[in-house]
PDB file of N, CA and C in Angstrom:
ATOM      1  N   MET A   1      -5.701  -3.677  11.254  1.00  0.00           N
ATOM      2  CA  MET A   1      -6.713  -2.656  11.290  1.00  0.00           C
ATOM      3  C   MET A   1      -7.974  -3.206  10.633  1.00  0.00           C
ATOM      4  N   ILE A   2      -9.108  -2.926  11.226  1.00  0.00           N
ATOM      5  CA  ILE A   2     -10.372  -3.310  10.611  1.00  0.00           C
ATOM      6  C   ILE A   2     -10.988  -2.069   9.968  1.00  0.00           C
ATOM      7  N   LEU A   3     -11.931  -2.283   9.060  1.00  0.00           N
ATOM      8  CA  LEU A   3     -12.540  -1.191   8.312  1.00  0.00           C
ATOM      9  C   LEU A   3     -13.174  -0.153   9.229  1.00  0.00           C
ATOM     10  N   LYS A   4     -13.783  -0.588  10.308  1.00  0.00           N
ATOM     11  CA  LYS A   4     -14.404   0.342  11.259  1.00  0.00           C
ATOM     12  C   LYS A   4     -13.373   1.342  11.792  1.00  0.00           C
ATOM     13  N   GLU A   5     -12.177   0.857  12.125  1.00  0.00           N
ATOM     14  CA  GLU A   5     -11.115   1.726  12.633  1.00  0.00           C
ATOM     15  C   GLU A   5     -10.670   2.733  11.568  1.00  0.00           C
ATOM     16  N   LEU A   6     -10.550   2.261  10.333  1.00  0.00           N
ATOM     17  CA  LEU A   6     -10.161   3.157   9.245  1.00  0.00           C
ATOM     18  C   LEU A   6     -11.225   4.231   9.020  1.00  0.00           C
ATOM     19  N   LYS A   7     -12.479   3.829   9.021  1.00  0.00           N
ATOM     20  CA  LYS A   7     -13.570   4.788   8.823  1.00  0.00           C
ATOM     21  C   LYS A   7     -13.593   5.840   9.931  1.00  0.00           C
ATOM     22  N   GLU A   8     -13.371   5.421  11.161  1.00  0.00           N
ATOM     23  CA  GLU A   8     -13.344   6.366  12.283  1.00  0.00           C
ATOM     24  C   GLU A   8     -12.177   7.342  12.138  1.00  0.00           C
ATOM     25  N   PHE A   9     -11.025   6.842  11.722  1.00  0.00           N
ATOM     26  CA  PHE A   9      -9.859   7.698  11.530  1.00  0.00           C
ATOM     27  C   PHE A   9     -10.122   8.722  10.436  1.00  0.00           C
ATOM     28  N   VAL A  10     -10.622   8.265   9.301  1.00  0.00           N
ATOM     29  CA  VAL A  10     -10.874   9.161   8.169  1.00  0.00           C
ATOM     30  C   VAL A  10     -11.936  10.197   8.534  1.00  0.00           C
ATOM     31  N   ALA A  11     -12.953   9.810   9.279  1.00  0.00           N
ATOM     32  CA  ALA A  11     -14.014  10.738   9.665  1.00  0.00           C
ATOM     33  C   ALA A  11     -13.491  11.890  10.527  1.00  0.00           C
ATOM     34  N   LYS A  12     -12.382  11.675  11.233  1.00  0.00           N
ATOM     35  CA  LYS A  12     -11.818  12.700  12.108  1.00  0.00           C
ATOM     36  C   LYS A  12     -10.884  13.675  11.385  1.00  0.00           C
ATOM     37  N   LEU A  13     -10.538  13.374  10.145  1.00  0.00           N
ATOM     38  CA  LEU A  13      -9.635  14.253   9.405  1.00  0.00           C
ATOM     39  C   LEU A  13     -10.348  15.548   9.036  1.00  0.00           C
ATOM     40  N   PRO A  14      -9.662  16.674   9.129  1.00  0.00           N
ATOM     41  CA  PRO A  14     -10.300  17.955   8.795  1.00  0.00           C
ATOM     42  C   PRO A  14     -10.531  18.092   7.288  1.00  0.00           C
ATOM     43  N   ASP A  15     -11.515  18.904   6.923  1.00  0.00           N
ATOM     44  CA  ASP A  15     -11.825  19.139   5.516  1.00  0.00           C
ATOM     45  C   ASP A  15     -10.647  19.726   4.753  1.00  0.00           C
ATOM     46  N   THR A  16      -9.735  20.372   5.456  1.00  0.00           N
ATOM     47  CA  THR A  16      -8.568  20.960   4.789  1.00  0.00           C
ATOM     48  C   THR A  16      -7.664  19.894   4.172  1.00  0.00           C
ATOM     49  N   MET A  17      -7.874  18.639   4.524  1.00  0.00           N
ATOM     50  CA  MET A  17      -7.064  17.547   3.972  1.00  0.00           C
ATOM     51  C   MET A  17      -7.754  16.832   2.813  1.00  0.00           C
ATOM     52  N   ASP A  18      -8.901  17.322   2.378  1.00  0.00           N
ATOM     53  CA  ASP A  18      -9.673  16.644   1.338  1.00  0.00           C
ATOM     54  C   ASP A  18      -8.925  16.451   0.022  1.00  0.00           C
ATOM     55  N   GLU A  19      -7.980  17.297  -0.285  1.00  0.00           N
ATOM     56  CA  GLU A  19      -7.245  17.193  -1.545  1.00  0.00           C
ATOM     57  C   GLU A  19      -5.919  16.452  -1.383  1.00  0.00           C
ATOM     58  N   PHE A  20      -5.637  15.927  -0.196  1.00  0.00           N
ATOM     59  CA  PHE A  20      -4.411  15.153   0.021  1.00  0.00           C
ATOM     60  C   PHE A  20      -4.490  13.844  -0.762  1.00  0.00           C
ATOM     61  N   HIS A  21      -3.355  13.365  -1.227  1.00  0.00           N
ATOM     62  CA  HIS A  21      -3.284  12.087  -1.938  1.00  0.00           C
ATOM     63  C   HIS A  21      -3.146  10.949  -0.933  1.00  0.00           C
ATOM     64  N   VAL A  22      -3.725   9.809  -1.253  1.00  0.00           N
ATOM     65  CA  VAL A  22      -3.624   8.613  -0.417  1.00  0.00           C
ATOM     66  C   VAL A  22      -2.557   7.724  -1.039  1.00  0.00           C
ATOM     67  N   VAL A  23      -1.559   7.357  -0.243  1.00  0.00           N
ATOM     68  CA  VAL A  23      -0.464   6.532  -0.746  1.00  0.00           C
ATOM     69  C   VAL A  23      -0.241   5.338   0.167  1.00  0.00           C
ATOM     70  N   ASN A  24       0.412   4.345  -0.375  1.00  0.00           N
ATOM     71  CA  ASN A  24       0.855   3.188   0.391  1.00  0.00           C
ATOM     72  C   ASN A  24       2.342   3.393   0.627  1.00  0.00           C
ATOM     73  N   GLY A  25       2.730   3.587   1.868  1.00  0.00           N
ATOM     74  CA  GLY A  25       4.128   3.855   2.178  1.00  0.00           C
ATOM     75  C   GLY A  25       4.852   2.625   2.690  1.00  0.00           C
ATOM     76  N   GLU A  26       6.146   2.597   2.404  1.00  0.00           N
ATOM     77  CA  GLU A  26       7.002   1.518   2.882  1.00  0.00           C
ATOM     78  C   GLU A  26       8.304   2.145   3.367  1.00  0.00           C
ATOM     79  N   VAL A  27       8.754   1.747   4.542  1.00  0.00           N
ATOM     80  CA  VAL A  27       9.990   2.268   5.111  1.00  0.00           C
ATOM     81  C   VAL A  27      11.010   1.144   5.199  1.00  0.00           C
ATOM     82  N   GLY A  28      12.251   1.479   4.917  1.00  0.00           N
ATOM     83  CA  GLY A  28      13.315   0.486   5.002  1.00  0.00           C
ATOM     84  C   GLY A  28      14.620   1.131   5.417  1.00  0.00           C
ATOM     85  N   VAL A  29      15.612   0.307   5.649  1.00  0.00           N
ATOM     86  CA  VAL A  29      16.939   0.782   6.034  1.00  0.00           C
ATOM     87  C   VAL A  29      17.967   0.118   5.134  1.00  0.00           C
ATOM     88  N   LEU A  30      18.831   0.951   4.561  1.00  0.00           N
ATOM     89  CA  LEU A  30      19.952   0.437   3.774  1.00  0.00           C
ATOM     90  C   LEU A  30      21.200   0.513   4.637  1.00  0.00           C
ATOM     91  N   LYS A  31      21.887  -0.612   4.769  1.00  0.00           N
ATOM     92  CA  LYS A  31      23.113  -0.656   5.555  1.00  0.00           C
ATOM     93  C   LYS A  31      24.296  -0.754   4.601  1.00  0.00           C
ATOM     94  N   GLU A  32      25.233   0.158   4.760  1.00  0.00           N
ATOM     95  CA  GLU A  32      26.427   0.145   3.924  1.00  0.00           C
ATOM     96  C   GLU A  32      27.478  -0.747   4.566  1.00  0.00           C
ATOM     97  N   GLU A  33      28.017  -1.663   3.780  1.00  0.00           N
ATOM     98  CA  GLU A  33      29.049  -2.559   4.309  1.00  0.00           C
ATOM     99  C   GLU A  33      30.252  -1.773   4.798  1.00  0.00           C
ATOM    100  N   GLY A  34      30.766  -2.145   5.948  1.00  0.00           N
ATOM    101  CA  GLY A  34      31.942  -1.505   6.500  1.00  0.00           C
ATOM    102  C   GLY A  34      31.685  -0.143   7.100  1.00  0.00           C
ATOM    103  N   SER A  35      30.426   0.208   7.281  1.00  0.00           N
ATOM    104  CA  SER A  35      30.092   1.522   7.837  1.00  0.00           C
ATOM    105  C   SER A  35      29.099   1.355   8.973  1.00  0.00           C
ATOM    106  N   ASP A  36      29.180   2.258   9.931  1.00  0.00           N
ATOM    107  CA  ASP A  36      28.214   2.249  11.028  1.00  0.00           C
ATOM    108  C   ASP A  36      26.978   3.083  10.695  1.00  0.00           C
ATOM    109  N   GLU A  37      26.994   3.739   9.529  1.00  0.00           N
ATOM    110  CA  GLU A  37      25.885   4.606   9.149  1.00  0.00           C
ATOM    111  C   GLU A  37      24.866   3.852   8.316  1.00  0.00           C
ATOM    112  N   ASN A  38      23.599   4.144   8.572  1.00  0.00           N
ATOM    113  CA  ASN A  38      22.501   3.555   7.824  1.00  0.00           C
ATOM    114  C   ASN A  38      21.720   4.659   7.129  1.00  0.00           C
ATOM    115  N   LEU A  39      21.071   4.323   6.046  1.00  0.00           N
ATOM    116  CA  LEU A  39      20.213   5.244   5.332  1.00  0.00           C
ATOM    117  C   LEU A  39      18.779   4.743   5.453  1.00  0.00           C
ATOM    118  N   THR A  40      17.928   5.544   6.049  1.00  0.00           N
ATOM    119  CA  THR A  40      16.518   5.204   6.150  1.00  0.00           C
ATOM    120  C   THR A  40      15.790   5.829   4.962  1.00  0.00           C
ATOM    121  N   TYR A  41      14.926   5.045   4.321  1.00  0.00           N
ATOM    122  CA  TYR A  41      14.206   5.555   3.155  1.00  0.00           C
ATOM    123  C   TYR A  41      12.718   5.262   3.287  1.00  0.00           C
ATOM    124  N   ARG A  42      11.931   6.004   2.511  1.00  0.00           N
ATOM    125  CA  ARG A  42      10.487   5.781   2.441  1.00  0.00           C
ATOM    126  C   ARG A  42      10.078   5.827   0.979  1.00  0.00           C
ATOM    127  N   ILE A  43       9.304   4.852   0.563  1.00  0.00           N
ATOM    128  CA  ILE A  43       8.773   4.805  -0.796  1.00  0.00           C
ATOM    129  C   ILE A  43       7.254   4.918  -0.691  1.00  0.00           C
ATOM    130  N   ASP A  44       6.702   5.881  -1.387  1.00  0.00           N
ATOM    131  CA  ASP A  44       5.250   6.070  -1.404  1.00  0.00           C
ATOM    132  C   ASP A  44       4.706   5.723  -2.782  1.00  0.00           C
ATOM    133  N   LYS A  45       3.656   4.911  -2.800  1.00  0.00           N
ATOM    134  CA  LYS A  45       2.995   4.550  -4.049  1.00  0.00           C
ATOM    135  C   LYS A  45       1.532   4.938  -3.922  1.00  0.00           C
ATOM    136  N   PRO A  46       0.981   5.654  -4.898  1.00  0.00           N
ATOM    137  CA  PRO A  46      -0.414   6.095  -4.794  1.00  0.00           C
ATOM    138  C   PRO A  46      -1.389   4.919  -4.811  1.00  0.00           C
ATOM    139  N   ILE A  47      -2.416   5.010  -3.999  1.00  0.00           N
ATOM    140  CA  ILE A  47      -3.490   4.017  -4.008  1.00  0.00           C
ATOM    141  C   ILE A  47      -4.381   4.344  -5.207  1.00  0.00           C
ATOM    142  N   ILE A  48      -4.503   3.397  -6.128  1.00  0.00           N
ATOM    143  CA  ILE A  48      -5.288   3.678  -7.332  1.00  0.00           C
ATOM    144  C   ILE A  48      -6.449   2.714  -7.543  1.00  0.00           C
ATOM    145  N   ALA A  49      -6.556   1.709  -6.691  1.00  0.00           N
ATOM    146  CA  ALA A  49      -7.648   0.750  -6.848  1.00  0.00           C
ATOM    147  C   ALA A  49      -8.026   0.177  -5.485  1.00  0.00           C
ATOM    148  N   LEU A  50      -9.266  -0.227  -5.381  1.00  0.00           N
ATOM    149  CA  LEU A  50      -9.812  -0.808  -4.156  1.00  0.00           C
ATOM    150  C   LEU A  50     -10.543  -2.085  -4.529  1.00  0.00           C
ATOM    151  N   TYR A  51     -10.346  -3.126  -3.731  1.00  0.00           N
ATOM    152  CA  TYR A  51     -11.017  -4.412  -3.968  1.00  0.00           C
ATOM    153  C   TYR A  51     -11.516  -4.946  -2.636  1.00  0.00           C
ATOM    154  N   VAL A  52     -12.762  -5.384  -2.621  1.00  0.00           N
ATOM    155  CA  VAL A  52     -13.345  -5.983  -1.420  1.00  0.00           C
ATOM    156  C   VAL A  52     -13.492  -7.479  -1.655  1.00  0.00           C
ATOM    157  N   ASP A  53     -12.831  -8.274  -0.800  1.00  0.00           N
ATOM    158  CA  ASP A  53     -12.906  -9.727  -0.864  1.00  0.00           C
ATOM    159  C   ASP A  53     -13.827 -10.179   0.267  1.00  0.00           C
ATOM    160  N   GLU A  54     -15.063 -10.445  -0.067  1.00  0.00           N
ATOM    161  CA  GLU A  54     -16.045 -10.797   0.963  1.00  0.00           C
ATOM    162  C   GLU A  54     -15.766 -12.154   1.597  1.00  0.00           C
ATOM    163  N   LYS A  55     -15.172 -13.090   0.837  1.00  0.00           N
ATOM    164  CA  LYS A  55     -14.876 -14.408   1.402  1.00  0.00           C
ATOM    165  C   LYS A  55     -13.868 -14.320   2.537  1.00  0.00           C
ATOM    166  N   SER A  56     -12.809 -13.509   2.328  1.00  0.00           N
ATOM    167  CA  SER A  56     -11.771 -13.386   3.356  1.00  0.00           C
ATOM    168  C   SER A  56     -12.025 -12.212   4.297  1.00  0.00           C
ATOM    169  N   LYS A  57     -13.079 -11.443   4.022  1.00  0.00           N
ATOM    170  CA  LYS A  57     -13.420 -10.247   4.804  1.00  0.00           C
ATOM    171  C   LYS A  57     -12.258  -9.262   4.824  1.00  0.00           C
ATOM    172  N   GLU A  58     -11.690  -9.005   3.630  1.00  0.00           N
ATOM    173  CA  GLU A  58     -10.578  -8.076   3.502  1.00  0.00           C
ATOM    174  C   GLU A  58     -10.911  -6.977   2.496  1.00  0.00           C
ATOM    175  N   VAL A  59     -10.478  -5.765   2.820  1.00  0.00           N
ATOM    176  CA  VAL A  59     -10.532  -4.639   1.894  1.00  0.00           C
ATOM    177  C   VAL A  59      -9.100  -4.405   1.441  1.00  0.00           C
ATOM    178  N   CYS A  60      -8.854  -4.522   0.151  1.00  0.00           N
ATOM    179  CA  CYS A  60      -7.499  -4.398  -0.386  1.00  0.00           C
ATOM    180  C   CYS A  60      -7.345  -3.054  -1.089  1.00  0.00           C
ATOM    181  N   LEU A  61      -6.301  -2.318  -0.716  1.00  0.00           N
ATOM    182  CA  LEU A  61      -5.958  -1.059  -1.359  1.00  0.00           C
ATOM    183  C   LEU A  61      -4.752  -1.335  -2.248  1.00  0.00           C
ATOM    184  N   PHE A  62      -4.889  -1.073  -3.542  1.00  0.00           N
ATOM    185  CA  PHE A  62      -3.828  -1.413  -4.494  1.00  0.00           C
ATOM    186  C   PHE A  62      -3.137  -0.182  -5.040  1.00  0.00           C
ATOM    187  N   HIS A  63      -1.833  -0.302  -5.257  1.00  0.00           N
ATOM    188  CA  HIS A  63      -1.084   0.730  -5.963  1.00  0.00           C
ATOM    189  C   HIS A  63      -0.792   0.272  -7.392  1.00  0.00           C
ATOM    190  N   GLN A  64      -1.398  -0.830  -7.790  1.00  0.00           N
ATOM    191  CA  GLN A  64      -1.239  -1.358  -9.138  1.00  0.00           C
ATOM    192  C   GLN A  64      -2.585  -1.349  -9.846  1.00  0.00           C
ATOM    193  N   THR A  65      -2.555  -1.166 -11.159  1.00  0.00           N
ATOM    194  CA  THR A  65      -3.773  -1.269 -11.949  1.00  0.00           C
ATOM    195  C   THR A  65      -4.094  -2.741 -12.188  1.00  0.00           C
ATOM    196  N   GLN A  66      -5.290  -3.023 -12.635  1.00  0.00           N
ATOM    197  CA  GLN A  66      -5.666  -4.400 -12.955  1.00  0.00           C
ATOM    198  C   GLN A  66      -4.774  -4.938 -14.067  1.00  0.00           C
ATOM    199  N   GLU A  67      -4.406  -4.076 -15.003  1.00  0.00           N
ATOM    200  CA  GLU A  67      -3.518  -4.488 -16.090  1.00  0.00           C
ATOM    201  C   GLU A  67      -2.150  -4.901 -15.546  1.00  0.00           C
ATOM    202  N   ASP A  68      -1.634  -4.140 -14.566  1.00  0.00           N
ATOM    203  CA  ASP A  68      -0.357  -4.493 -13.949  1.00  0.00           C
ATOM    204  C   ASP A  68      -0.429  -5.865 -13.287  1.00  0.00           C
ATOM    205  N   VAL A  69      -1.502  -6.104 -12.559  1.00  0.00           N
ATOM    206  CA  VAL A  69      -1.688  -7.385 -11.867  1.00  0.00           C
ATOM    207  C   VAL A  69      -1.784  -8.514 -12.884  1.00  0.00           C
ATOM    208  N   ASN A  70      -2.552  -8.313 -13.939  1.00  0.00           N
ATOM    209  CA  ASN A  70      -2.689  -9.337 -14.965  1.00  0.00           C
ATOM    210  C   ASN A  70      -1.349  -9.673 -15.593  1.00  0.00           C
ATOM    211  N   LYS A  71      -0.503  -8.653 -15.830  1.00  0.00           N
ATOM    212  CA  LYS A  71       0.813  -8.888 -16.422  1.00  0.00           C
ATOM    213  C   LYS A  71       1.684  -9.708 -15.470  1.00  0.00           C
ATOM    214  N   VAL A  72       1.653  -9.386 -14.182  1.00  0.00           N
ATOM    215  CA  VAL A  72       2.444 -10.144 -13.206  1.00  0.00           C
ATOM    216  C   VAL A  72       1.996 -11.599 -13.196  1.00  0.00           C
ATOM    217  N   LEU A  73       0.696 -11.817 -13.203  1.00  0.00           N
ATOM    218  CA  LEU A  73       0.180 -13.180 -13.162  1.00  0.00           C
ATOM    219  C   LEU A  73       0.494 -13.929 -14.458  1.00  0.00           C
ATOM    220  N   LYS A  74       0.494 -13.229 -15.588  1.00  0.00           N
ATOM    221  CA  LYS A  74       0.791 -13.864 -16.852  1.00  0.00           C
ATOM    222  C   LYS A  74       2.285 -14.193 -16.969  1.00  0.00           C
ATOM    223  N   ASP A  75       3.143 -13.251 -16.555  1.00  0.00           N
ATOM    224  CA  ASP A  75       4.590 -13.395 -16.742  1.00  0.00           C
ATOM    225  C   ASP A  75       5.295 -14.078 -15.584  1.00  0.00           C
ATOM    226  N   GLY A  76       4.641 -14.088 -14.431  1.00  0.00           N
ATOM    227  CA  GLY A  76       5.341 -14.605 -13.246  1.00  0.00           C
ATOM    228  C   GLY A  76       4.716 -15.840 -12.682  1.00  0.00           C
ATOM    229  N   ASN A  77       4.967 -16.033 -11.406  1.00  0.00           N
ATOM    230  CA  ASN A  77       4.472 -17.191 -10.675  1.00  0.00           C
ATOM    231  C   ASN A  77       3.007 -16.959 -10.288  1.00  0.00           C
ATOM    232  N   THR A  78       2.108 -17.802 -10.746  1.00  0.00           N
ATOM    233  CA  THR A  78       0.685 -17.632 -10.447  1.00  0.00           C
ATOM    234  C   THR A  78       0.210 -18.537  -9.321  1.00  0.00           C
ATOM    235  N   THR A  79       1.137 -19.251  -8.696  1.00  0.00           N
ATOM    236  CA  THR A  79       0.725 -20.197  -7.648  1.00  0.00           C
ATOM    237  C   THR A  79       0.631 -19.534  -6.295  1.00  0.00           C
ATOM    238  N   GLY A  80       1.137 -18.284  -6.168  1.00  0.00           N
ATOM    239  CA  GLY A  80       1.106 -17.608  -4.884  1.00  0.00           C
ATOM    240  C   GLY A  80       2.249 -17.977  -3.970  1.00  0.00           C
ATOM    241  N   SER A  81       3.182 -18.798  -4.419  1.00  0.00           N
ATOM    242  CA  SER A  81       4.324 -19.173  -3.582  1.00  0.00           C
ATOM    243  C   SER A  81       5.617 -18.707  -4.204  1.00  0.00           C
TER     244      SER A  81
END
């Protein structure tokens, strides 16, 4: 999706949705061993930060604070791999 498409979509939303929360959703399926049944789940995380990377021409919507990101980079792998 490009920013133009997102802007067009948001512009079409009715004013009655102005107080809706914006979240980043993820859907997955849990498969139980030895069973034919699956559990579908959805995890929603609120969007709390926005970052524009002009070099890569990307708009990033984050569900993490800058402090959270800094902690991950300090405690984890900072090479990106």
